[in-house]
């Protein structure tokens, strides 16, 4: 056993590697482009949809009219707009329809199924055909053949469906843009606060120096 001043000295342990703090990620000003693009896309999509379907949206709110198919249904119409024809539940679709103004000859209508997917059941009626008004007026009469009983003529409201989709999509894009904008602001503020507070105090060595051993009693 070693004793006295001749006792061996253990080599001191070197200090551990100091911990380097990780620099906070500070969002740059360019990051605001993402929420700006989302919000702008929401505004543009809604604006374009409204501009394209503005006239049709106004007409789609016009009232419908019901009447006997043979004697005719008198209704207000807008030239160039599409209208739906509804027949009683259980009745067949009309084979032909015509339109006329007071004091004028009847004009045959081209019956199609345009936008039939957007039609919905109307009370005790169901969708039968679609036609486009060749002229407009406040007292336009529509008569149909090949169907018994009454019919209903109403404006095609497909434009309202498109406008509703634009509102939903625009709301989602706008909401995401606002959320992204708030997140970026919070991240930038937290990064500034961390930088201003300065770096943390240096870490203690992983292995402190061991004091030289004293004499052993023996």
C-alpha atoms as a PDB file:
ATOM      1  CA  UNK A   1       0.000   0.000   0.000  1.00  0.00           C
ATOM      2  CA  UNK A   2       1.273   3.430  -0.931  1.00  0.00           C
ATOM      3  CA  UNK A   3       1.788   5.929   1.821  1.00  0.00           C
ATOM      4  CA  UNK A   4       2.995   9.450   2.360  1.00  0.00           C
ATOM      5  CA  UNK A   5       4.064  11.814  -0.328  1.00  0.00           C
ATOM      6  CA  UNK A   6       5.088   9.002  -2.646  1.00  0.00           C
ATOM      7  CA  UNK A   7       1.486   7.992  -3.198  1.00  0.00           C
ATOM      8  CA  UNK A   8       0.627   8.031  -6.908  1.00  0.00           C
ATOM      9  CA  UNK A   9      -1.362  10.958  -8.253  1.00  0.00           C
ATOM     10  CA  UNK A  10      -4.389  10.104 -10.307  1.00  0.00           C
ATOM     11  CA  UNK A  11      -4.556  12.105 -13.504  1.00  0.00           C
ATOM     12  CA  UNK A  12      -7.221  14.747 -13.325  1.00  0.00           C
ATOM     13  CA  UNK A  13     -10.290  14.197 -15.447  1.00  0.00           C
ATOM     14  CA  UNK A  14     -10.703  16.740 -18.166  1.00  0.00           C
ATOM     15  CA  UNK A  15     -13.832  18.831 -18.278  1.00  0.00           C
ATOM     16  CA  UNK A  16     -16.750  17.577 -20.349  1.00  0.00           C
ATOM     17  CA  UNK A  17     -17.738  19.232 -23.579  1.00  0.00           C
ATOM     18  CA  UNK A  18     -19.792  22.319 -22.834  1.00  0.00           C
ATOM     19  CA  UNK A  19     -23.424  22.199 -24.001  1.00  0.00           C
ATOM     20  CA  UNK A  20     -24.044  24.469 -26.932  1.00  0.00           C
ATOM     21  CA  UNK A  21     -27.556  25.920 -26.843  1.00  0.00           C
ATOM     22  CA  UNK A  22     -29.566  25.365 -29.964  1.00  0.00           C
ATOM     23  CA  UNK A  23     -30.344  28.556 -31.798  1.00  0.00           C
ATOM     24  CA  UNK A  24     -34.093  29.222 -31.916  1.00  0.00           C
ATOM     25  CA  UNK A  25     -35.740  29.080 -35.312  1.00  0.00           C
ATOM     26  CA  UNK A  26     -36.961  32.566 -36.086  1.00  0.00           C
ATOM     27  CA  UNK A  27     -39.489  32.759 -38.912  1.00  0.00           C
ATOM     28  CA  UNK A  28     -38.422  35.239 -41.551  1.00  0.00           C
ATOM     29  CA  UNK A  29     -40.658  37.926 -42.940  1.00  0.00           C
ATOM     30  CA  UNK A  30     -41.028  35.870 -46.116  1.00  0.00           C
ATOM     31  CA  UNK A  31     -42.962  33.276 -44.164  1.00  0.00           C
ATOM     32  CA  UNK A  32     -45.931  35.651 -44.188  1.00  0.00           C
ATOM     33  CA  UNK A  33     -46.301  34.890 -47.903  1.00  0.00           C
ATOM     34  CA  UNK A  34     -48.045  31.587 -47.093  1.00  0.00           C
ATOM     35  CA  UNK A  35     -50.976  33.030 -45.093  1.00  0.00           C
ATOM     36  CA  UNK A  36     -51.181  35.937 -47.530  1.00  0.00           C
ATOM     37  CA  UNK A  37     -51.518  33.525 -50.472  1.00  0.00           C
ATOM     38  CA  UNK A  38     -54.188  31.496 -48.653  1.00  0.00           C
ATOM     39  CA  UNK A  39     -56.269  34.545 -47.786  1.00  0.00           C
ATOM     40  CA  UNK A  40     -55.853  35.998 -51.282  1.00  0.00           C
ATOM     41  CA  UNK A  41     -56.907  32.670 -52.831  1.00  0.00           C
ATOM     42  CA  UNK A  42     -60.043  32.672 -50.682  1.00  0.00           C
ATOM     43  CA  UNK A  43     -60.997  36.182 -51.792  1.00  0.00           C
ATOM     44  CA  UNK A  44     -60.215  35.533 -55.472  1.00  0.00           C
ATOM     45  CA  UNK A  45     -62.096  32.212 -55.635  1.00  0.00           C
ATOM     46  CA  UNK A  46     -65.212  33.701 -54.065  1.00  0.00           C
ATOM     47  CA  UNK A  47     -64.996  36.851 -56.189  1.00  0.00           C
ATOM     48  CA  UNK A  48     -64.627  34.955 -59.466  1.00  0.00           C
ATOM     49  CA  UNK A  49     -67.488  32.587 -58.638  1.00  0.00           C
ATOM     50  CA  UNK A  50     -69.736  35.494 -57.700  1.00  0.00           C
ATOM     51  CA  UNK A  51     -68.808  37.442 -60.842  1.00  0.00           C
ATOM     52  CA  UNK A  52     -69.438  34.485 -63.171  1.00  0.00           C
ATOM     53  CA  UNK A  53     -72.752  33.481 -61.562  1.00  0.00           C
ATOM     54  CA  UNK A  54     -74.004  36.893 -60.432  1.00  0.00           C
ATOM     55  CA  UNK A  55     -76.863  37.174 -62.928  1.00  0.00           C
ATOM     56  CA  UNK A  56     -77.891  33.536 -62.534  1.00  0.00           C
ATOM     57  CA  UNK A  57     -77.851  33.881 -58.746  1.00  0.00           C
ATOM     58  CA  UNK A  58     -80.252  36.814 -58.889  1.00  0.00           C
ATOM     59  CA  UNK A  59     -82.617  34.985 -61.238  1.00  0.00           C
ATOM     60  CA  UNK A  60     -82.551  31.815 -59.124  1.00  0.00           C
ATOM     61  CA  UNK A  61     -84.365  33.723 -56.371  1.00  0.00           C
ATOM     62  CA  UNK A  62     -87.337  34.485 -58.631  1.00  0.00           C
ATOM     63  CA  UNK A  63     -90.601  32.769 -57.659  1.00  0.00           C
ATOM     64  CA  UNK A  64     -91.844  29.564 -59.247  1.00  0.00           C
ATOM     65  CA  UNK A  65     -95.300  29.055 -60.734  1.00  0.00           C
ATOM     66  CA  UNK A  66     -97.669  26.096 -60.984  1.00  0.00           C
ATOM     67  CA  UNK A  67    -100.542  25.443 -63.358  1.00  0.00           C
ATOM     68  CA  UNK A  68    -102.175  23.060 -65.762  1.00  0.00           C
ATOM     69  CA  UNK A  69     -99.789  21.651 -68.352  1.00  0.00           C
ATOM     70  CA  UNK A  70    -102.290  21.924 -71.213  1.00  0.00           C
ATOM     71  CA  UNK A  71    -103.635  25.421 -70.538  1.00  0.00           C
ATOM     72  CA  UNK A  72    -100.218  26.752 -69.536  1.00  0.00           C
ATOM     73  CA  UNK A  73     -98.264  28.159 -66.607  1.00  0.00           C
ATOM     74  CA  UNK A  74     -97.744  31.926 -66.518  1.00  0.00           C
ATOM     75  CA  UNK A  75     -94.444  32.929 -64.927  1.00  0.00           C
ATOM     76  CA  UNK A  76     -91.868  35.702 -65.088  1.00  0.00           C
ATOM     77  CA  UNK A  77     -88.714  34.757 -67.003  1.00  0.00           C
ATOM     78  CA  UNK A  78     -85.310  36.170 -67.924  1.00  0.00           C
ATOM     79  CA  UNK A  79     -84.008  35.609 -71.433  1.00  0.00           C
ATOM     80  CA  UNK A  80     -81.169  33.083 -71.657  1.00  0.00           C
ATOM     81  CA  UNK A  81     -81.672  31.660 -68.190  1.00  0.00           C
ATOM     82  CA  UNK A  82     -82.401  27.968 -67.579  1.00  0.00           C
ATOM     83  CA  UNK A  83     -85.609  26.765 -65.947  1.00  0.00           C
ATOM     84  CA  UNK A  84     -86.693  23.449 -64.450  1.00  0.00           C
ATOM     85  CA  UNK A  85     -89.989  21.730 -65.232  1.00  0.00           C
ATOM     86  CA  UNK A  86     -91.506  19.594 -62.465  1.00  0.00           C
ATOM     87  CA  UNK A  87     -94.395  17.151 -62.835  1.00  0.00           C
ATOM     88  CA  UNK A  88     -96.604  15.430 -60.293  1.00  0.00           C
ATOM     89  CA  UNK A  89     -95.232  12.357 -58.564  1.00  0.00           C
ATOM     90  CA  UNK A  90     -96.094   9.345 -60.700  1.00  0.00           C
ATOM     91  CA  UNK A  91     -96.591  11.420 -63.869  1.00  0.00           C
ATOM     92  CA  UNK A  92     -94.412  11.009 -66.936  1.00  0.00           C
ATOM     93  CA  UNK A  93     -92.087  13.692 -68.249  1.00  0.00           C
ATOM     94  CA  UNK A  94     -93.495  15.994 -70.955  1.00  0.00           C
ATOM     95  CA  UNK A  95     -92.800  15.049 -74.543  1.00  0.00           C
ATOM     96  CA  UNK A  96     -92.787  18.663 -75.750  1.00  0.00           C
ATOM     97  CA  UNK A  97     -93.180  22.170 -74.343  1.00  0.00           C
ATOM     98  CA  UNK A  98     -93.675  25.605 -75.874  1.00  0.00           C
ATOM     99  CA  UNK A  99     -93.454  29.200 -74.696  1.00  0.00           C
ATOM    100  CA  UNK A 100     -95.313  32.331 -75.761  1.00  0.00           C
ATOM    101  CA  UNK A 101     -95.955  35.906 -74.807  1.00  0.00           C
ATOM    102  CA  UNK A 102     -99.423  37.499 -74.868  1.00  0.00           C
ATOM    103  CA  UNK A 103    -100.427  38.180 -78.450  1.00  0.00           C
ATOM    104  CA  UNK A 104     -97.582  36.150 -79.996  1.00  0.00           C
ATOM    105  CA  UNK A 105     -97.304  32.664 -81.447  1.00  0.00           C
ATOM    106  CA  UNK A 106     -95.908  29.834 -79.334  1.00  0.00           C
ATOM    107  CA  UNK A 107     -92.252  28.847 -79.778  1.00  0.00           C
ATOM    108  CA  UNK A 108     -91.203  25.222 -79.143  1.00  0.00           C
ATOM    109  CA  UNK A 109     -88.675  24.668 -76.375  1.00  0.00           C
ATOM    110  CA  UNK A 110     -85.652  22.394 -76.483  1.00  0.00           C
ATOM    111  CA  UNK A 111     -86.070  20.109 -73.462  1.00  0.00           C
ATOM    112  CA  UNK A 112     -82.842  18.784 -71.931  1.00  0.00           C
ATOM    113  CA  UNK A 113     -81.558  17.339 -68.667  1.00  0.00           C
ATOM    114  CA  UNK A 114     -79.101  20.162 -68.021  1.00  0.00           C
ATOM    115  CA  UNK A 115     -78.194  20.479 -64.325  1.00  0.00           C
ATOM    116  CA  UNK A 116     -80.675  17.774 -63.380  1.00  0.00           C
ATOM    117  CA  UNK A 117     -78.247  16.692 -60.631  1.00  0.00           C
ATOM    118  CA  UNK A 118     -78.871  20.033 -58.891  1.00  0.00           C
ATOM    119  CA  UNK A 119     -82.650  19.663 -58.866  1.00  0.00           C
ATOM    120  CA  UNK A 120     -84.507  18.621 -55.748  1.00  0.00           C
ATOM    121  CA  UNK A 121     -87.993  17.307 -55.111  1.00  0.00           C
ATOM    122  CA  UNK A 122     -90.580  20.064 -54.809  1.00  0.00           C
ATOM    123  CA  UNK A 123     -93.442  19.168 -52.488  1.00  0.00           C
ATOM    124  CA  UNK A 124     -95.407  16.458 -54.360  1.00  0.00           C
ATOM    125  CA  UNK A 125     -93.540  17.084 -57.632  1.00  0.00           C
ATOM    126  CA  UNK A 126     -90.359  15.689 -59.121  1.00  0.00           C
ATOM    127  CA  UNK A 127     -87.930  16.974 -61.742  1.00  0.00           C
ATOM    128  CA  UNK A 128     -88.766  16.255 -65.401  1.00  0.00           C
ATOM    129  CA  UNK A 129     -86.896  18.562 -67.819  1.00  0.00           C
ATOM    130  CA  UNK A 130     -84.814  21.698 -68.283  1.00  0.00           C
ATOM    131  CA  UNK A 131     -85.184  24.408 -70.916  1.00  0.00           C
ATOM    132  CA  UNK A 132     -83.562  27.755 -71.689  1.00  0.00           C
ATOM    133  CA  UNK A 133     -85.844  30.761 -72.055  1.00  0.00           C
ATOM    134  CA  UNK A 134     -85.562  32.215 -75.596  1.00  0.00           C
ATOM    135  CA  UNK A 135     -87.007  35.522 -74.357  1.00  0.00           C
ATOM    136  CA  UNK A 136     -88.057  37.098 -71.084  1.00  0.00           C
ATOM    137  CA  UNK A 137     -91.066  38.867 -69.657  1.00  0.00           C
ATOM    138  CA  UNK A 138     -93.318  39.166 -66.636  1.00  0.00           C
ATOM    139  CA  UNK A 139     -96.170  37.097 -68.118  1.00  0.00           C
ATOM    140  CA  UNK A 140     -94.646  34.289 -70.137  1.00  0.00           C
ATOM    141  CA  UNK A 141     -96.809  31.189 -70.599  1.00  0.00           C
ATOM    142  CA  UNK A 142     -95.346  27.673 -70.774  1.00  0.00           C
ATOM    143  CA  UNK A 143     -97.463  24.773 -72.012  1.00  0.00           C
ATOM    144  CA  UNK A 144     -96.446  21.100 -72.181  1.00  0.00           C
ATOM    145  CA  UNK A 145     -97.774  18.026 -73.954  1.00  0.00           C
ATOM    146  CA  UNK A 146     -97.562  14.383 -72.990  1.00  0.00           C
ATOM    147  CA  UNK A 147     -98.210  14.993 -69.296  1.00  0.00           C
ATOM    148  CA  UNK A 148    -101.508  15.035 -67.445  1.00  0.00           C
ATOM    149  CA  UNK A 149    -102.284  17.382 -64.599  1.00  0.00           C
ATOM    150  CA  UNK A 150    -100.276  20.305 -63.336  1.00  0.00           C
ATOM    151  CA  UNK A 151     -96.620  21.243 -63.703  1.00  0.00           C
ATOM    152  CA  UNK A 152     -94.284  23.608 -61.877  1.00  0.00           C
ATOM    153  CA  UNK A 153     -91.803  25.910 -63.612  1.00  0.00           C
ATOM    154  CA  UNK A 154     -88.970  27.338 -61.502  1.00  0.00           C
ATOM    155  CA  UNK A 155     -85.574  28.950 -62.145  1.00  0.00           C
ATOM    156  CA  UNK A 156     -82.475  26.769 -62.293  1.00  0.00           C
ATOM    157  CA  UNK A 157     -80.701  27.469 -58.991  1.00  0.00           C
ATOM    158  CA  UNK A 158     -77.443  25.609 -59.750  1.00  0.00           C
ATOM    159  CA  UNK A 159     -75.550  28.898 -59.466  1.00  0.00           C
ATOM    160  CA  UNK A 160     -76.512  29.085 -55.790  1.00  0.00           C
ATOM    161  CA  UNK A 161     -74.888  25.683 -55.275  1.00  0.00           C
ATOM    162  CA  UNK A 162     -71.657  26.872 -56.899  1.00  0.00           C
ATOM    163  CA  UNK A 163     -71.723  30.015 -54.793  1.00  0.00           C
ATOM    164  CA  UNK A 164     -72.185  27.943 -51.647  1.00  0.00           C
ATOM    165  CA  UNK A 165     -69.195  25.763 -52.550  1.00  0.00           C
ATOM    166  CA  UNK A 166     -67.124  28.902 -53.143  1.00  0.00           C
ATOM    167  CA  UNK A 167     -68.093  30.211 -49.705  1.00  0.00           C
ATOM    168  CA  UNK A 168     -67.074  26.937 -48.033  1.00  0.00           C
ATOM    169  CA  UNK A 169     -63.752  26.679 -49.886  1.00  0.00           C
ATOM    170  CA  UNK A 170     -63.027  30.353 -49.326  1.00  0.00           C
ATOM    171  CA  UNK A 171     -63.802  30.007 -45.629  1.00  0.00           C
ATOM    172  CA  UNK A 172     -61.433  27.047 -45.280  1.00  0.00           C
ATOM    173  CA  UNK A 173     -58.597  28.785 -47.130  1.00  0.00           C
ATOM    174  CA  UNK A 174     -59.153  32.023 -45.239  1.00  0.00           C
ATOM    175  CA  UNK A 175     -59.247  30.198 -41.898  1.00  0.00           C
ATOM    176  CA  UNK A 176     -56.004  28.376 -42.651  1.00  0.00           C
ATOM    177  CA  UNK A 177     -54.412  31.670 -43.648  1.00  0.00           C
ATOM    178  CA  UNK A 178     -55.430  33.349 -40.387  1.00  0.00           C
ATOM    179  CA  UNK A 179     -54.169  30.394 -38.322  1.00  0.00           C
ATOM    180  CA  UNK A 180     -50.838  30.376 -40.176  1.00  0.00           C
ATOM    181  CA  UNK A 181     -50.526  34.139 -39.681  1.00  0.00           C
ATOM    182  CA  UNK A 182     -51.071  33.829 -35.917  1.00  0.00           C
ATOM    183  CA  UNK A 183     -48.622  30.915 -35.602  1.00  0.00           C
ATOM    184  CA  UNK A 184     -45.894  32.836 -37.441  1.00  0.00           C
ATOM    185  CA  UNK A 185     -46.386  35.919 -35.246  1.00  0.00           C
ATOM    186  CA  UNK A 186     -46.141  33.835 -32.065  1.00  0.00           C
ATOM    187  CA  UNK A 187     -43.024  32.032 -33.312  1.00  0.00           C
ATOM    188  CA  UNK A 188     -41.315  35.297 -34.210  1.00  0.00           C
ATOM    189  CA  UNK A 189     -42.103  36.845 -30.824  1.00  0.00           C
ATOM    190  CA  UNK A 190     -40.830  33.803 -28.937  1.00  0.00           C
ATOM    191  CA  UNK A 191     -37.637  33.765 -31.003  1.00  0.00           C
ATOM    192  CA  UNK A 192     -37.014  37.471 -30.319  1.00  0.00           C
ATOM    193  CA  UNK A 193     -37.593  36.959 -26.600  1.00  0.00           C
ATOM    194  CA  UNK A 194     -35.117  34.071 -26.512  1.00  0.00           C
ATOM    195  CA  UNK A 195     -32.450  36.038 -28.374  1.00  0.00           C
ATOM    196  CA  UNK A 196     -32.810  39.099 -26.131  1.00  0.00           C
ATOM    197  CA  UNK A 197     -32.566  37.053 -22.935  1.00  0.00           C
ATOM    198  CA  UNK A 198     -29.046  35.949 -23.932  1.00  0.00           C
ATOM    199  CA  UNK A 199     -27.445  32.513 -23.921  1.00  0.00           C
ATOM    200  CA  UNK A 200     -27.882  30.271 -20.864  1.00  0.00           C
ATOM    201  CA  UNK A 201     -25.050  30.010 -18.290  1.00  0.00           C
ATOM    202  CA  UNK A 202     -22.280  27.579 -19.214  1.00  0.00           C
ATOM    203  CA  UNK A 203     -22.891  24.033 -18.168  1.00  0.00           C
ATOM    204  CA  UNK A 204     -20.841  22.457 -15.417  1.00  0.00           C
ATOM    205  CA  UNK A 205     -18.125  20.020 -16.527  1.00  0.00           C
ATOM    206  CA  UNK A 206     -19.268  16.510 -16.979  1.00  0.00           C
ATOM    207  CA  UNK A 207     -16.325  15.197 -14.902  1.00  0.00           C
ATOM    208  CA  UNK A 208     -14.867  17.662 -12.375  1.00  0.00           C
ATOM    209  CA  UNK A 209     -11.181  17.481 -11.448  1.00  0.00           C
ATOM    210  CA  UNK A 210     -10.484  14.904  -8.803  1.00  0.00           C
ATOM    211  CA  UNK A 211      -8.406  16.240  -5.902  1.00  0.00           C
ATOM    212  CA  UNK A 212      -5.042  14.559  -5.373  1.00  0.00           C
ATOM    213  CA  UNK A 213      -5.269  11.677  -2.930  1.00  0.00           C
ATOM    214  CA  UNK A 214      -3.928  12.199   0.576  1.00  0.00           C
ATOM    215  CA  UNK A 215      -1.660   9.874   2.487  1.00  0.00           C
ATOM    216  CA  UNK A 216      -3.089   6.565   3.388  1.00  0.00           C
ATOM    217  CA  UNK A 217      -2.781   5.295   6.926  1.00  0.00           C
ATOM    218  CA  UNK A 218      -1.168   2.039   7.126  1.00  0.00           C
END
